[in-house]
C-alpha cells in the first residue's frame, strides 16, 4: 500500500487507525490514502516506535499494517477455526468451523467476508456481560450454545457451566469500539449489577452461580491459549466500560472480582491497565470509556 492509493484496503486501514485512537477529522474513512491518512499513520508509527516508514513515496511496511491488524493474510490462512480446541476441563462447543461468514457483527474485507486480522495485532481480551439470560430453559445445551453465533464475541460462557468458541481468533468482530482491531471479545451470560449491593439497571437480575464462573474462567483460559497457539501475544485484559461510557456496568463487580482479580491476573498473567480509557468512535466526549473503579478493584481509579 502506498500514499495516493484508493480502494477498500485503504478504507480498512483508515478504520483501523481510528480504532487505534488516531483522528481523521476532515475526510474520515473515505478510501483515499491522502495527507490526512498519512499524518495519522505517521502518528501511529511514532507512538509504537516504528521508524521504517519515513518517506511517503515508500510503500507502508508490513510490520506497520500488521500492528493495525490489516496486513496481508495468505490465502491458505483465510479459512480458520479447523483445529481442535484446547482442553481446559470444561465442556465446550466449538462452532468456529462452518459458521456463517461474514459474521453479522464484523468488519468486512473487499471480498465481503469478515476481515481476517494479522495475528500480531491481537494482544488483549475484553470482558463483557450479555445483560440478559439466554433461553428458553427447556432448550438443550447444544441449541442454547448456538445463540452465541449472533453475539459480537469470540467466545461466550454460559450459566449452565459450558462455553462456546463462537468465532475464529483472527476475525475482526465489532464488540468493543476502539479495542476491536486488537482484542478478543468474551461474553458471559447474565444480567449483573455494576455493584453487587445494587440493583441491575433494567430487567431481571441473574443468579450469581459458581457454574457461570467456572465456564467464564475456562473460556478466558481457552482464548488465551488458542490465541497464543496461533502466535498472538495476549498480555492485557480490559473491561468493556473502558471503551464506552454507556457500558458503565459492563462487566460488573461480581464478574470482575471473580474472573479477573481471582483468576486472569494471578493464573493467566494478564495485565490490567486500570486507568486507561479510550475515545469512542462517535467522537462524543460523553462516550469516552471509563476506568476500572476501585469499587471493583483495589488498584482501580475513581468510584463507580
C-alpha atoms as a PDB file:
ATOM      1  CA  UNK A   1       0.000   0.000   0.000  1.00  0.00           C
ATOM      2  CA  UNK A   2       1.261   3.471  -0.923  1.00  0.00           C
ATOM      3  CA  UNK A   3       0.421   7.130  -0.455  1.00  0.00           C
ATOM      4  CA  UNK A   4      -2.144   8.173  -3.077  1.00  0.00           C
ATOM      5  CA  UNK A   5      -3.845   4.785  -3.394  1.00  0.00           C
ATOM      6  CA  UNK A   6      -7.616   4.362  -3.303  1.00  0.00           C
ATOM      7  CA  UNK A   7      -9.851   1.409  -2.534  1.00  0.00           C
ATOM      8  CA  UNK A   8     -11.171  -0.971   0.085  1.00  0.00           C
ATOM      9  CA  UNK A   9      -7.748  -1.769   1.549  1.00  0.00           C
ATOM     10  CA  UNK A  10      -7.236   1.937   2.267  1.00  0.00           C
ATOM     11  CA  UNK A  11     -10.655   2.179   3.938  1.00  0.00           C
ATOM     12  CA  UNK A  12      -9.793  -0.748   6.219  1.00  0.00           C
ATOM     13  CA  UNK A  13      -6.509   0.978   7.114  1.00  0.00           C
ATOM     14  CA  UNK A  14      -8.375   4.190   7.945  1.00  0.00           C
ATOM     15  CA  UNK A  15     -10.909   2.389  10.140  1.00  0.00           C
ATOM     16  CA  UNK A  16      -8.070   0.619  11.952  1.00  0.00           C
ATOM     17  CA  UNK A  17      -6.320   3.953  12.542  1.00  0.00           C
ATOM     18  CA  UNK A  18      -9.499   5.450  14.008  1.00  0.00           C
ATOM     19  CA  UNK A  19      -9.956   2.401  16.265  1.00  0.00           C
ATOM     20  CA  UNK A  20      -6.358   2.877  17.397  1.00  0.00           C
ATOM     21  CA  UNK A  21      -7.195   6.426  18.524  1.00  0.00           C
ATOM     22  CA  UNK A  22      -5.864   8.387  15.543  1.00  0.00           C
ATOM     23  CA  UNK A  23      -8.090  11.121  14.127  1.00  0.00           C
ATOM     24  CA  UNK A  24      -9.267  11.636  10.549  1.00  0.00           C
ATOM     25  CA  UNK A  25     -11.461  14.681  11.257  1.00  0.00           C
ATOM     26  CA  UNK A  26     -11.935  16.043   7.737  1.00  0.00           C
ATOM     27  CA  UNK A  27     -12.347  13.068   5.439  1.00  0.00           C
ATOM     28  CA  UNK A  28     -12.722  10.039   7.714  1.00  0.00           C
ATOM     29  CA  UNK A  29     -12.584   6.582   6.150  1.00  0.00           C
ATOM     30  CA  UNK A  30     -13.044   7.791   2.562  1.00  0.00           C
ATOM     31  CA  UNK A  31     -10.916   5.056   0.897  1.00  0.00           C
ATOM     32  CA  UNK A  32      -8.317   7.608  -0.294  1.00  0.00           C
ATOM     33  CA  UNK A  33      -4.770   7.497   1.094  1.00  0.00           C
ATOM     34  CA  UNK A  34      -4.207  11.246   1.257  1.00  0.00           C
ATOM     35  CA  UNK A  35      -2.259  13.575   3.511  1.00  0.00           C
ATOM     36  CA  UNK A  36      -4.702  13.261   6.421  1.00  0.00           C
ATOM     37  CA  UNK A  37      -4.371   9.469   6.443  1.00  0.00           C
ATOM     38  CA  UNK A  38      -0.579   9.756   6.078  1.00  0.00           C
ATOM     39  CA  UNK A  39      -0.359  12.066   9.109  1.00  0.00           C
ATOM     40  CA  UNK A  40      -2.457   9.663  11.178  1.00  0.00           C
ATOM     41  CA  UNK A  41      -0.302   6.726  10.103  1.00  0.00           C
ATOM     42  CA  UNK A  42       2.894   8.628  10.908  1.00  0.00           C
ATOM     43  CA  UNK A  43       1.495   9.478  14.336  1.00  0.00           C
ATOM     44  CA  UNK A  44       0.605   5.831  14.982  1.00  0.00           C
ATOM     45  CA  UNK A  45       4.075   4.725  13.868  1.00  0.00           C
ATOM     46  CA  UNK A  46       5.796   7.188  16.227  1.00  0.00           C
ATOM     47  CA  UNK A  47       3.702   6.100  19.194  1.00  0.00           C
ATOM     48  CA  UNK A  48       4.656   2.477  18.537  1.00  0.00           C
ATOM     49  CA  UNK A  49       8.354   3.081  17.941  1.00  0.00           C
ATOM     50  CA  UNK A  50       8.264   2.193  14.242  1.00  0.00           C
ATOM     51  CA  UNK A  51      10.731   4.238  12.171  1.00  0.00           C
ATOM     52  CA  UNK A  52      10.741   2.158   8.976  1.00  0.00           C
ATOM     53  CA  UNK A  53       8.222   4.447   7.206  1.00  0.00           C
ATOM     54  CA  UNK A  54       9.750   7.908   6.926  1.00  0.00           C
ATOM     55  CA  UNK A  55       9.171   8.652   3.239  1.00  0.00           C
ATOM     56  CA  UNK A  56       5.661   8.815   1.821  1.00  0.00           C
ATOM     57  CA  UNK A  57       6.978   7.645  -1.547  1.00  0.00           C
ATOM     58  CA  UNK A  58       7.824   4.269   0.000  1.00  0.00           C
ATOM     59  CA  UNK A  59       5.248   1.502   0.499  1.00  0.00           C
ATOM     60  CA  UNK A  60       3.835   1.186   4.008  1.00  0.00           C
ATOM     61  CA  UNK A  61       5.854  -1.578   5.723  1.00  0.00           C
ATOM     62  CA  UNK A  62       4.052  -4.800   6.590  1.00  0.00           C
ATOM     63  CA  UNK A  63       5.027  -4.507  10.273  1.00  0.00           C
ATOM     64  CA  UNK A  64       3.012  -1.299  10.486  1.00  0.00           C
ATOM     65  CA  UNK A  65      -0.012  -2.793   8.726  1.00  0.00           C
ATOM     66  CA  UNK A  66       0.252  -5.933  10.866  1.00  0.00           C
ATOM     67  CA  UNK A  67       0.217  -3.866  14.050  1.00  0.00           C
ATOM     68  CA  UNK A  68      -3.035  -2.271  12.881  1.00  0.00           C
ATOM     69  CA  UNK A  69      -4.492  -5.678  12.064  1.00  0.00           C
ATOM     70  CA  UNK A  70      -4.878  -5.015   8.336  1.00  0.00           C
ATOM     71  CA  UNK A  71      -1.799  -6.659   6.844  1.00  0.00           C
ATOM     72  CA  UNK A  72      -1.989  -9.133   4.014  1.00  0.00           C
ATOM     73  CA  UNK A  73      -3.044 -12.649   5.018  1.00  0.00           C
ATOM     74  CA  UNK A  74      -2.005 -15.554   2.746  1.00  0.00           C
ATOM     75  CA  UNK A  75      -4.882 -17.319   1.009  1.00  0.00           C
ATOM     76  CA  UNK A  76      -4.223 -20.559   2.871  1.00  0.00           C
ATOM     77  CA  UNK A  77      -4.763 -18.787   6.201  1.00  0.00           C
ATOM     78  CA  UNK A  78      -8.141 -17.226   5.488  1.00  0.00           C
ATOM     79  CA  UNK A  79     -10.140 -20.348   6.383  1.00  0.00           C
ATOM     80  CA  UNK A  80      -9.710 -20.539  10.129  1.00  0.00           C
ATOM     81  CA  UNK A  81     -11.059 -22.497  13.050  1.00  0.00           C
ATOM     82  CA  UNK A  82     -10.397 -26.050  11.852  1.00  0.00           C
ATOM     83  CA  UNK A  83      -8.125 -27.140  14.718  1.00  0.00           C
ATOM     84  CA  UNK A  84      -9.365 -28.984  17.772  1.00  0.00           C
ATOM     85  CA  UNK A  85      -9.972 -26.684  20.775  1.00  0.00           C
ATOM     86  CA  UNK A  86      -7.539 -26.916  23.655  1.00  0.00           C
ATOM     87  CA  UNK A  87      -8.963 -28.970  26.522  1.00  0.00           C
ATOM     88  CA  UNK A  88      -9.331 -26.818  29.644  1.00  0.00           C
ATOM     89  CA  UNK A  89     -11.515 -29.268  31.569  1.00  0.00           C
ATOM     90  CA  UNK A  90     -14.943 -27.673  30.978  1.00  0.00           C
ATOM     91  CA  UNK A  91     -17.488 -28.641  28.293  1.00  0.00           C
ATOM     92  CA  UNK A  92     -17.037 -26.613  25.105  1.00  0.00           C
ATOM     93  CA  UNK A  93     -18.988 -26.218  21.877  1.00  0.00           C
ATOM     94  CA  UNK A  94     -16.595 -25.306  19.074  1.00  0.00           C
ATOM     95  CA  UNK A  95     -18.757 -23.541  16.481  1.00  0.00           C
ATOM     96  CA  UNK A  96     -15.947 -21.855  14.559  1.00  0.00           C
ATOM     97  CA  UNK A  97     -15.826 -24.303  11.678  1.00  0.00           C
ATOM     98  CA  UNK A  98     -18.595 -23.920   9.175  1.00  0.00           C
ATOM     99  CA  UNK A  99     -20.200 -20.903  10.839  1.00  0.00           C
ATOM    100  CA  UNK A 100     -21.680 -18.230   8.518  1.00  0.00           C
ATOM    101  CA  UNK A 101     -19.176 -15.824   7.012  1.00  0.00           C
ATOM    102  CA  UNK A 102     -19.434 -12.872   7.184  1.00  0.00           C
ATOM    103  CA  UNK A 103     -20.186 -12.611  10.871  1.00  0.00           C
ATOM    104  CA  UNK A 104     -23.233 -10.311  11.251  1.00  0.00           C
ATOM    105  CA  UNK A 105     -21.281  -8.001  13.577  1.00  0.00           C
ATOM    106  CA  UNK A 106     -17.889  -7.733  11.944  1.00  0.00           C
ATOM    107  CA  UNK A 107     -15.698  -5.617   9.693  1.00  0.00           C
ATOM    108  CA  UNK A 108     -15.856  -6.808   6.074  1.00  0.00           C
ATOM    109  CA  UNK A 109     -12.919  -7.141   3.693  1.00  0.00           C
ATOM    110  CA  UNK A 110     -13.049  -6.401  -0.039  1.00  0.00           C
ATOM    111  CA  UNK A 111     -14.451  -9.879  -0.786  1.00  0.00           C
ATOM    112  CA  UNK A 112     -17.418  -9.310   1.516  1.00  0.00           C
ATOM    113  CA  UNK A 113     -16.206 -11.767   4.138  1.00  0.00           C
ATOM    114  CA  UNK A 114     -15.263 -10.967   7.731  1.00  0.00           C
ATOM    115  CA  UNK A 115     -11.864  -9.285   7.828  1.00  0.00           C
ATOM    116  CA  UNK A 116      -9.066 -11.598   8.962  1.00  0.00           C
ATOM    117  CA  UNK A 117      -6.578  -9.731  11.153  1.00  0.00           C
ATOM    118  CA  UNK A 118      -2.855 -10.203  11.391  1.00  0.00           C
ATOM    119  CA  UNK A 119      -2.192 -12.377  14.426  1.00  0.00           C
ATOM    120  CA  UNK A 120       0.480  -9.911  15.568  1.00  0.00           C
ATOM    121  CA  UNK A 121      -2.177  -7.231  16.056  1.00  0.00           C
ATOM    122  CA  UNK A 122      -4.017  -9.177  18.773  1.00  0.00           C
ATOM    123  CA  UNK A 123      -2.833  -8.546  22.339  1.00  0.00           C
ATOM    124  CA  UNK A 124      -5.949  -8.192  24.542  1.00  0.00           C
ATOM    125  CA  UNK A 125      -9.173  -9.692  25.796  1.00  0.00           C
ATOM    126  CA  UNK A 126     -12.247  -7.587  26.604  1.00  0.00           C
ATOM    127  CA  UNK A 127     -14.642  -8.935  29.230  1.00  0.00           C
ATOM    128  CA  UNK A 128     -18.394  -8.389  28.758  1.00  0.00           C
ATOM    129  CA  UNK A 129     -21.649  -9.449  30.337  1.00  0.00           C
ATOM    130  CA  UNK A 130     -24.562 -10.145  27.989  1.00  0.00           C
ATOM    131  CA  UNK A 131     -27.075  -8.197  30.098  1.00  0.00           C
ATOM    132  CA  UNK A 132     -29.692 -10.955  29.634  1.00  0.00           C
ATOM    133  CA  UNK A 133     -30.281 -14.621  30.365  1.00  0.00           C
ATOM    134  CA  UNK A 134     -30.421 -16.795  27.266  1.00  0.00           C
ATOM    135  CA  UNK A 135     -33.162 -19.351  26.978  1.00  0.00           C
ATOM    136  CA  UNK A 136     -35.579 -20.968  26.957  1.00  0.00           C
ATOM    137  CA  UNK A 137     -34.771 -23.125  29.976  1.00  0.00           C
ATOM    138  CA  UNK A 138     -36.088 -26.175  28.117  1.00  0.00           C
ATOM    139  CA  UNK A 139     -33.508 -25.772  25.331  1.00  0.00           C
ATOM    140  CA  UNK A 140     -30.721 -28.329  25.077  1.00  0.00           C
ATOM    141  CA  UNK A 141     -27.160 -27.210  25.744  1.00  0.00           C
ATOM    142  CA  UNK A 142     -26.344 -27.596  22.056  1.00  0.00           C
ATOM    143  CA  UNK A 143     -29.273 -25.425  20.965  1.00  0.00           C
ATOM    144  CA  UNK A 144     -28.506 -22.831  23.612  1.00  0.00           C
ATOM    145  CA  UNK A 145     -24.852 -22.721  22.547  1.00  0.00           C
ATOM    146  CA  UNK A 146     -25.817 -21.716  19.017  1.00  0.00           C
ATOM    147  CA  UNK A 147     -27.242 -18.468  20.384  1.00  0.00           C
ATOM    148  CA  UNK A 148     -23.626 -17.297  20.642  1.00  0.00           C
ATOM    149  CA  UNK A 149     -23.289 -17.226  16.844  1.00  0.00           C
ATOM    150  CA  UNK A 150     -25.187 -13.927  16.607  1.00  0.00           C
ATOM    151  CA  UNK A 151     -23.399 -12.268  19.528  1.00  0.00           C
ATOM    152  CA  UNK A 152     -20.424  -9.956  18.884  1.00  0.00           C
ATOM    153  CA  UNK A 153     -17.786 -12.100  20.567  1.00  0.00           C
ATOM    154  CA  UNK A 154     -15.092 -14.703  20.011  1.00  0.00           C
ATOM    155  CA  UNK A 155     -16.189 -16.817  22.977  1.00  0.00           C
ATOM    156  CA  UNK A 156     -19.144 -16.946  25.331  1.00  0.00           C
ATOM    157  CA  UNK A 157     -19.541 -18.529  28.778  1.00  0.00           C
ATOM    158  CA  UNK A 158     -22.967 -19.825  29.769  1.00  0.00           C
ATOM    159  CA  UNK A 159     -24.557 -20.126  33.205  1.00  0.00           C
ATOM    160  CA  UNK A 160     -25.030 -23.877  32.774  1.00  0.00           C
ATOM    161  CA  UNK A 161     -21.267 -24.338  33.009  1.00  0.00           C
ATOM    162  CA  UNK A 162     -20.123 -24.648  29.395  1.00  0.00           C
ATOM    163  CA  UNK A 163     -18.569 -22.202  26.965  1.00  0.00           C
ATOM    164  CA  UNK A 164     -18.646 -21.654  23.215  1.00  0.00           C
ATOM    165  CA  UNK A 165     -15.868 -20.808  20.778  1.00  0.00           C
ATOM    166  CA  UNK A 166     -18.014 -18.638  18.536  1.00  0.00           C
ATOM    167  CA  UNK A 167     -15.613 -17.091  16.003  1.00  0.00           C
ATOM    168  CA  UNK A 168     -12.032 -17.628  14.812  1.00  0.00           C
ATOM    169  CA  UNK A 169      -9.369 -15.788  16.781  1.00  0.00           C
ATOM    170  CA  UNK A 170      -8.326 -13.621  13.819  1.00  0.00           C
ATOM    171  CA  UNK A 171     -11.806 -12.406  12.880  1.00  0.00           C
ATOM    172  CA  UNK A 172     -12.354  -8.666  13.343  1.00  0.00           C
ATOM    173  CA  UNK A 173     -15.543  -8.544  15.426  1.00  0.00           C
ATOM    174  CA  UNK A 174     -17.304  -5.333  16.478  1.00  0.00           C
ATOM    175  CA  UNK A 175     -17.511  -5.827  20.246  1.00  0.00           C
ATOM    176  CA  UNK A 176     -15.524  -3.051  21.979  1.00  0.00           C
ATOM    177  CA  UNK A 177     -15.176   0.031  19.777  1.00  0.00           C
ATOM    178  CA  UNK A 178     -11.548   1.274  19.774  1.00  0.00           C
ATOM    179  CA  UNK A 179     -10.374  -2.112  21.010  1.00  0.00           C
ATOM    180  CA  UNK A 180     -11.880  -4.119  18.141  1.00  0.00           C
ATOM    181  CA  UNK A 181      -8.774  -4.360  15.961  1.00  0.00           C
ATOM    182  CA  UNK A 182      -6.508  -5.716  18.719  1.00  0.00           C
ATOM    183  CA  UNK A 183      -8.739  -7.714  21.034  1.00  0.00           C
ATOM    184  CA  UNK A 184     -10.827 -10.830  21.561  1.00  0.00           C
ATOM    185  CA  UNK A 185     -14.306 -10.483  22.999  1.00  0.00           C
ATOM    186  CA  UNK A 186     -15.521 -12.734  25.824  1.00  0.00           C
ATOM    187  CA  UNK A 187     -19.205 -12.535  26.745  1.00  0.00           C
ATOM    188  CA  UNK A 188     -20.514 -14.041  29.989  1.00  0.00           C
ATOM    189  CA  UNK A 189     -24.206 -14.846  30.079  1.00  0.00           C
ATOM    190  CA  UNK A 190     -26.222 -12.905  32.630  1.00  0.00           C
ATOM    191  CA  UNK A 191     -27.565  -9.578  33.831  1.00  0.00           C
ATOM    192  CA  UNK A 192     -25.435  -8.379  36.751  1.00  0.00           C
ATOM    193  CA  UNK A 193     -25.397  -5.037  38.584  1.00  0.00           C
ATOM    194  CA  UNK A 194     -22.420  -2.708  38.382  1.00  0.00           C
ATOM    195  CA  UNK A 195     -22.045  -3.110  42.155  1.00  0.00           C
ATOM    196  CA  UNK A 196     -23.103  -6.326  43.870  1.00  0.00           C
ATOM    197  CA  UNK A 197     -25.066  -4.450  46.541  1.00  0.00           C
ATOM    198  CA  UNK A 198     -27.127  -2.553  43.961  1.00  0.00           C
ATOM    199  CA  UNK A 199     -29.931  -3.467  41.582  1.00  0.00           C
ATOM    200  CA  UNK A 200     -29.455  -4.054  37.861  1.00  0.00           C
ATOM    201  CA  UNK A 201     -30.184  -1.052  35.637  1.00  0.00           C
ATOM    202  CA  UNK A 202     -33.048  -2.813  33.880  1.00  0.00           C
ATOM    203  CA  UNK A 203     -34.630  -6.232  33.569  1.00  0.00           C
ATOM    204  CA  UNK A 204     -34.392  -9.196  35.905  1.00  0.00           C
ATOM    205  CA  UNK A 205     -31.090  -9.840  37.708  1.00  0.00           C
ATOM    206  CA  UNK A 206     -29.326 -13.135  37.099  1.00  0.00           C
ATOM    207  CA  UNK A 207     -28.394 -15.553  39.849  1.00  0.00           C
ATOM    208  CA  UNK A 208     -24.666 -15.430  40.608  1.00  0.00           C
ATOM    209  CA  UNK A 209     -23.766 -19.078  40.019  1.00  0.00           C
ATOM    210  CA  UNK A 210     -20.480 -20.898  40.556  1.00  0.00           C
ATOM    211  CA  UNK A 211     -21.106 -22.706  37.252  1.00  0.00           C
ATOM    212  CA  UNK A 212     -21.042 -19.348  35.444  1.00  0.00           C
ATOM    213  CA  UNK A 213     -17.675 -18.517  36.977  1.00  0.00           C
ATOM    214  CA  UNK A 214     -16.307 -21.951  36.126  1.00  0.00           C
ATOM    215  CA  UNK A 215     -17.325 -21.508  32.492  1.00  0.00           C
ATOM    216  CA  UNK A 216     -16.021 -17.937  32.412  1.00  0.00           C
ATOM    217  CA  UNK A 217     -12.618 -18.952  33.747  1.00  0.00           C
ATOM    218  CA  UNK A 218     -12.411 -21.814  31.262  1.00  0.00           C
ATOM    219  CA  UNK A 219     -13.345 -19.518  28.376  1.00  0.00           C
ATOM    220  CA  UNK A 220     -10.705 -16.988  29.432  1.00  0.00           C
ATOM    221  CA  UNK A 221      -8.045 -19.677  29.594  1.00  0.00           C
ATOM    222  CA  UNK A 222      -9.120 -21.141  26.263  1.00  0.00           C
ATOM    223  CA  UNK A 223      -8.980 -17.770  24.494  1.00  0.00           C
ATOM    224  CA  UNK A 224      -5.512 -17.039  25.844  1.00  0.00           C
ATOM    225  CA  UNK A 225      -4.207 -20.489  24.920  1.00  0.00           C
ATOM    226  CA  UNK A 226      -5.884 -20.592  21.490  1.00  0.00           C
ATOM    227  CA  UNK A 227      -4.541 -17.149  20.599  1.00  0.00           C
ATOM    228  CA  UNK A 228      -1.043 -17.959  21.800  1.00  0.00           C
ATOM    229  CA  UNK A 229      -1.120 -21.225  19.858  1.00  0.00           C
ATOM    230  CA  UNK A 230      -1.717 -19.183  16.706  1.00  0.00           C
ATOM    231  CA  UNK A 231       1.113 -16.790  17.571  1.00  0.00           C
ATOM    232  CA  UNK A 232      -0.633 -13.882  19.299  1.00  0.00           C
ATOM    233  CA  UNK A 233       0.904 -12.201  22.327  1.00  0.00           C
ATOM    234  CA  UNK A 234      -2.074 -11.905  24.669  1.00  0.00           C
ATOM    235  CA  UNK A 235      -0.988  -9.618  27.502  1.00  0.00           C
ATOM    236  CA  UNK A 236      -3.871  -7.336  28.523  1.00  0.00           C
ATOM    237  CA  UNK A 237      -7.423  -7.576  29.797  1.00  0.00           C
ATOM    238  CA  UNK A 238      -9.991  -4.768  29.618  1.00  0.00           C
ATOM    239  CA  UNK A 239     -13.487  -4.145  30.940  1.00  0.00           C
ATOM    240  CA  UNK A 240     -15.952  -3.172  28.227  1.00  0.00           C
ATOM    241  CA  UNK A 241     -16.669   0.054  30.108  1.00  0.00           C
ATOM    242  CA  UNK A 242     -13.117   1.231  29.305  1.00  0.00           C
ATOM    243  CA  UNK A 243     -14.108   1.727  25.666  1.00  0.00           C
ATOM    244  CA  UNK A 244     -17.610   3.171  26.092  1.00  0.00           C
ATOM    245  CA  UNK A 245     -19.186   5.110  28.988  1.00  0.00           C
ATOM    246  CA  UNK A 246     -22.603   3.731  28.034  1.00  0.00           C
ATOM    247  CA  UNK A 247     -21.306   0.327  29.207  1.00  0.00           C
ATOM    248  CA  UNK A 248     -20.710   1.563  32.755  1.00  0.00           C
ATOM    249  CA  UNK A 249     -21.809  -1.698  34.423  1.00  0.00           C
ATOM    250  CA  UNK A 250     -20.050  -3.969  31.956  1.00  0.00           C
ATOM    251  CA  UNK A 251     -18.915  -6.496  33.105  1.00  0.00           C
ATOM    252  CA  UNK A 252     -19.817  -5.576  36.709  1.00  0.00           C
ATOM    253  CA  UNK A 253     -18.162  -6.036  40.091  1.00  0.00           C
ATOM    254  CA  UNK A 254     -19.040  -9.718  40.556  1.00  0.00           C
ATOM    255  CA  UNK A 255     -17.538 -10.899  37.277  1.00  0.00           C
ATOM    256  CA  UNK A 256     -14.531  -8.599  37.594  1.00  0.00           C
ATOM    257  CA  UNK A 257     -13.585  -9.746  41.078  1.00  0.00           C
ATOM    258  CA  UNK A 258     -14.039 -13.462  40.352  1.00  0.00           C
ATOM    259  CA  UNK A 259     -12.768 -13.716  36.787  1.00  0.00           C
ATOM    260  CA  UNK A 260     -10.105 -11.020  36.705  1.00  0.00           C
ATOM    261  CA  UNK A 261      -8.704 -10.397  40.198  1.00  0.00           C
ATOM    262  CA  UNK A 262      -9.039 -14.021  41.361  1.00  0.00           C
ATOM    263  CA  UNK A 263      -8.112 -15.730  38.087  1.00  0.00           C
ATOM    264  CA  UNK A 264      -6.966 -13.877  34.966  1.00  0.00           C
ATOM    265  CA  UNK A 265      -4.284 -11.827  36.706  1.00  0.00           C
ATOM    266  CA  UNK A 266      -2.735 -14.413  39.081  1.00  0.00           C
ATOM    267  CA  UNK A 267      -3.309 -17.558  36.984  1.00  0.00           C
ATOM    268  CA  UNK A 268      -3.015 -16.347  33.383  1.00  0.00           C
ATOM    269  CA  UNK A 269      -0.633 -13.466  33.995  1.00  0.00           C
ATOM    270  CA  UNK A 270      -2.800 -10.907  32.216  1.00  0.00           C
ATOM    271  CA  UNK A 271      -2.216  -7.207  32.837  1.00  0.00           C
ATOM    272  CA  UNK A 272      -4.995  -4.728  33.606  1.00  0.00           C
ATOM    273  CA  UNK A 273      -4.469  -1.068  32.731  1.00  0.00           C
ATOM    274  CA  UNK A 274      -6.985   0.115  35.299  1.00  0.00           C
ATOM    275  CA  UNK A 275      -6.926   3.816  34.442  1.00  0.00           C
ATOM    276  CA  UNK A 276      -6.745   3.506  30.654  1.00  0.00           C
ATOM    277  CA  UNK A 277      -9.789   4.844  28.817  1.00  0.00           C
ATOM    278  CA  UNK A 278     -10.415   5.057  25.090  1.00  0.00           C
ATOM    279  CA  UNK A 279     -12.171   7.658  22.999  1.00  0.00           C
ATOM    280  CA  UNK A 280     -15.394   6.452  21.408  1.00  0.00           C
ATOM    281  CA  UNK A 281     -15.568   6.227  17.578  1.00  0.00           C
ATOM    282  CA  UNK A 282     -18.586   8.547  17.653  1.00  0.00           C
ATOM    283  CA  UNK A 283     -16.275  11.367  18.725  1.00  0.00           C
ATOM    284  CA  UNK A 284     -18.606  12.305  21.587  1.00  0.00           C
ATOM    285  CA  UNK A 285     -16.624  13.131  24.761  1.00  0.00           C
ATOM    286  CA  UNK A 286     -19.537  11.803  26.805  1.00  0.00           C
ATOM    287  CA  UNK A 287     -18.998   8.342  25.314  1.00  0.00           C
ATOM    288  CA  UNK A 288     -15.312   8.108  26.241  1.00  0.00           C
ATOM    289  CA  UNK A 289     -14.561   4.956  28.202  1.00  0.00           C
ATOM    290  CA  UNK A 290     -14.395   4.853  31.993  1.00  0.00           C
ATOM    291  CA  UNK A 291     -11.596   3.418  34.184  1.00  0.00           C
ATOM    292  CA  UNK A 292     -11.960   0.290  36.269  1.00  0.00           C
ATOM    293  CA  UNK A 293     -13.362   1.675  39.562  1.00  0.00           C
ATOM    294  CA  UNK A 294     -11.867   0.986  42.956  1.00  0.00           C
ATOM    295  CA  UNK A 295     -15.257  -0.459  43.953  1.00  0.00           C
ATOM    296  CA  UNK A 296     -14.345  -3.385  41.645  1.00  0.00           C
ATOM    297  CA  UNK A 297     -10.609  -3.486  42.104  1.00  0.00           C
ATOM    298  CA  UNK A 298      -8.310  -2.026  44.815  1.00  0.00           C
ATOM    299  CA  UNK A 299      -5.971  -0.925  42.036  1.00  0.00           C
ATOM    300  CA  UNK A 300      -8.743   0.877  40.184  1.00  0.00           C
ATOM    301  CA  UNK A 301      -9.318   4.588  39.757  1.00  0.00           C
ATOM    302  CA  UNK A 302     -12.294   6.593  40.977  1.00  0.00           C
ATOM    303  CA  UNK A 303     -15.624   5.415  42.307  1.00  0.00           C
ATOM    304  CA  UNK A 304     -18.279   3.522  40.395  1.00  0.00           C
END
